[in-house]
Amino acid sequence: MAGAFGAHGLRTVASARELGVFQTAANYQMYHALALVLVALLHGRGLSTRLLGLAGRFFLAGIVLFSGSLYLLVLTGAHWLGPVTPLGGLCFMVGWALLAAAGLRRRGAGETNDQEDS
């Protein structure tokens, strides 16, 4: 929906550069929404639930900080949000590293599938 809004709803009010920024935000939101689905699908497959939970949290934080800051930048012109965007990118990278670590590390001896992460 965000991509469609950017392509159609903003076409007459945003510059080509702003449309590109909005599209980047929508693309990264979609990629990392799929990463969250992957995290959910991997849960209960013998991987570390703690690492998977952390990965999911970092993906969510990345979506909010990266995509959210870019959406707000385009929609409001608030350029002070620019420094927030790289923090979201860092969250994405940490999320992917945690997902990879979960894939390499089997669940610990005391960890179970239904353990709640906090």
Protein backbone atom coordinates (compact mmCIF):
# COMPACT_ATOMS: atom_id res chain seq x y z
CA MET A 1 0.00 0.00 0.00
CA ALA A 2 2.81 2.41 0.81
CA GLY A 3 4.39 1.81 -2.59
CA ALA A 4 1.11 2.40 -4.38
CA PHE A 5 0.48 5.57 -2.37
CA GLY A 6 3.95 6.82 -3.27
CA ALA A 7 3.56 5.99 -6.94
CA HIS A 8 0.07 7.42 -7.36
CA GLY A 9 -0.86 9.65 -4.44
CA LEU A 10 2.38 11.60 -4.27
CA ARG A 11 3.07 11.92 -7.99
CA THR A 12 1.66 15.44 -8.22
CA VAL A 13 3.04 16.82 -4.93
CA ALA A 14 6.49 15.25 -4.56
CA SER A 15 9.65 15.67 -6.62
CA ALA A 16 11.19 12.75 -8.49
CA ARG A 17 13.88 12.51 -5.79
CA GLU A 18 11.25 12.41 -3.03
CA LEU A 19 9.32 9.72 -4.89
CA GLY A 20 12.53 7.68 -5.09
CA VAL A 21 13.11 8.10 -1.35
CA PHE A 22 9.52 7.06 -0.64
CA GLN A 23 9.90 4.01 -2.89
CA THR A 24 13.13 3.02 -1.11
CA ALA A 25 11.28 3.18 2.22
CA ALA A 26 8.45 1.03 0.87
CA ASN A 27 10.89 -1.52 -0.59
CA TYR A 28 12.85 -1.89 2.63
CA GLN A 29 9.64 -2.16 4.62
CA MET A 30 8.49 -5.02 2.38
CA TYR A 31 11.84 -6.84 2.47
CA HIS A 32 11.94 -6.72 6.23
CA ALA A 33 8.27 -7.61 6.65
CA LEU A 34 9.21 -10.78 4.75
CA ALA A 35 12.20 -11.20 7.09
CA LEU A 36 9.76 -11.06 10.03
CA VAL A 37 7.70 -13.81 8.37
CA LEU A 38 10.89 -15.84 7.99
CA VAL A 39 11.66 -15.36 11.69
CA ALA A 40 8.17 -16.60 12.55
CA LEU A 41 8.50 -19.61 10.24
CA LEU A 42 11.87 -20.56 11.74
CA HIS A 43 10.53 -20.43 15.28
CA GLY A 44 10.18 -23.95 16.60
CA ARG A 45 12.60 -25.42 14.06
CA GLY A 46 15.38 -26.12 16.53
CA LEU A 47 17.00 -22.69 16.31
CA SER A 48 17.69 -20.36 19.21
CA THR A 49 14.37 -18.72 20.07
CA ARG A 50 16.25 -16.00 21.93
CA LEU A 51 18.27 -15.04 18.83
CA LEU A 52 15.22 -15.28 16.57
CA GLY A 53 13.25 -13.04 18.93
CA LEU A 54 16.05 -10.49 18.99
CA ALA A 55 16.34 -10.59 15.20
CA GLY A 56 12.61 -9.93 14.87
CA ARG A 57 12.81 -7.01 17.28
CA PHE A 58 15.71 -5.47 15.35
CA PHE A 59 13.86 -5.93 12.03
CA LEU A 60 10.82 -4.17 13.50
CA ALA A 61 12.95 -1.35 14.91
CA GLY A 62 14.64 -1.02 11.53
CA ILE A 63 11.31 -0.73 9.74
CA VAL A 64 10.15 1.99 12.12
CA LEU A 65 13.43 3.93 12.13
CA PHE A 66 14.52 3.49 8.50
CA SER A 67 11.28 3.37 6.55
CA GLY A 68 9.36 5.50 9.03
CA SER A 69 11.94 8.30 8.98
CA LEU A 70 12.02 8.29 5.17
CA TYR A 71 8.21 8.36 4.94
CA LEU A 72 8.05 11.28 7.36
CA LEU A 73 10.89 13.07 5.60
CA VAL A 74 9.01 12.97 2.29
CA LEU A 75 5.57 13.68 3.76
CA THR A 76 6.55 16.47 6.15
CA GLY A 77 9.87 17.78 4.86
CA ALA A 78 11.34 17.38 8.35
CA HIS A 79 15.00 17.09 7.38
CA TRP A 80 16.07 16.64 11.01
CA LEU A 81 14.89 13.02 10.57
CA GLY A 82 17.79 12.32 8.20
CA PRO A 83 20.17 11.15 10.97
CA VAL A 84 17.56 8.64 12.21
CA THR A 85 17.58 6.69 8.94
CA PRO A 86 21.08 5.16 9.34
CA LEU A 87 20.09 3.91 12.80
CA GLY A 88 17.32 1.96 11.13
CA GLY A 89 19.79 0.58 8.61
CA LEU A 90 22.02 -0.50 11.48
CA CYS A 91 19.04 -2.27 13.08
CA PHE A 92 18.46 -4.14 9.81
CA MET A 93 22.08 -5.27 9.72
CA VAL A 94 21.98 -6.41 13.36
CA GLY A 95 18.73 -8.28 12.66
CA TRP A 96 20.29 -10.13 9.72
CA ALA A 97 23.39 -10.96 11.77
CA LEU A 98 21.21 -12.33 14.59
CA LEU A 99 19.16 -14.36 12.11
CA ALA A 100 22.36 -15.83 10.68
CA ALA A 101 23.64 -16.57 14.19
CA ALA A 102 20.36 -18.31 15.01
CA GLY A 103 20.76 -20.40 11.87
CA LEU A 104 24.24 -21.43 12.90
CA ARG A 105 23.47 -22.03 16.53
CA ARG A 106 21.10 -24.72 17.70
CA ARG A 107 18.86 -24.12 20.67
CA GLY A 108 20.74 -24.22 23.97
CA ALA A 109 20.23 -26.97 26.53
CA GLY A 110 17.85 -24.96 28.70
CA GLU A 111 15.94 -23.30 25.87
CA THR A 112 12.59 -24.65 24.68
CA ASN A 113 10.28 -23.84 21.78
CA ASP A 114 7.67 -22.23 23.97
CA GLN A 115 10.07 -20.10 26.00
CA GLU A 116 9.02 -16.46 26.17
CA ASP A 117 11.70 -13.94 25.25
CA SER A 118 11.74 -10.70 27.13
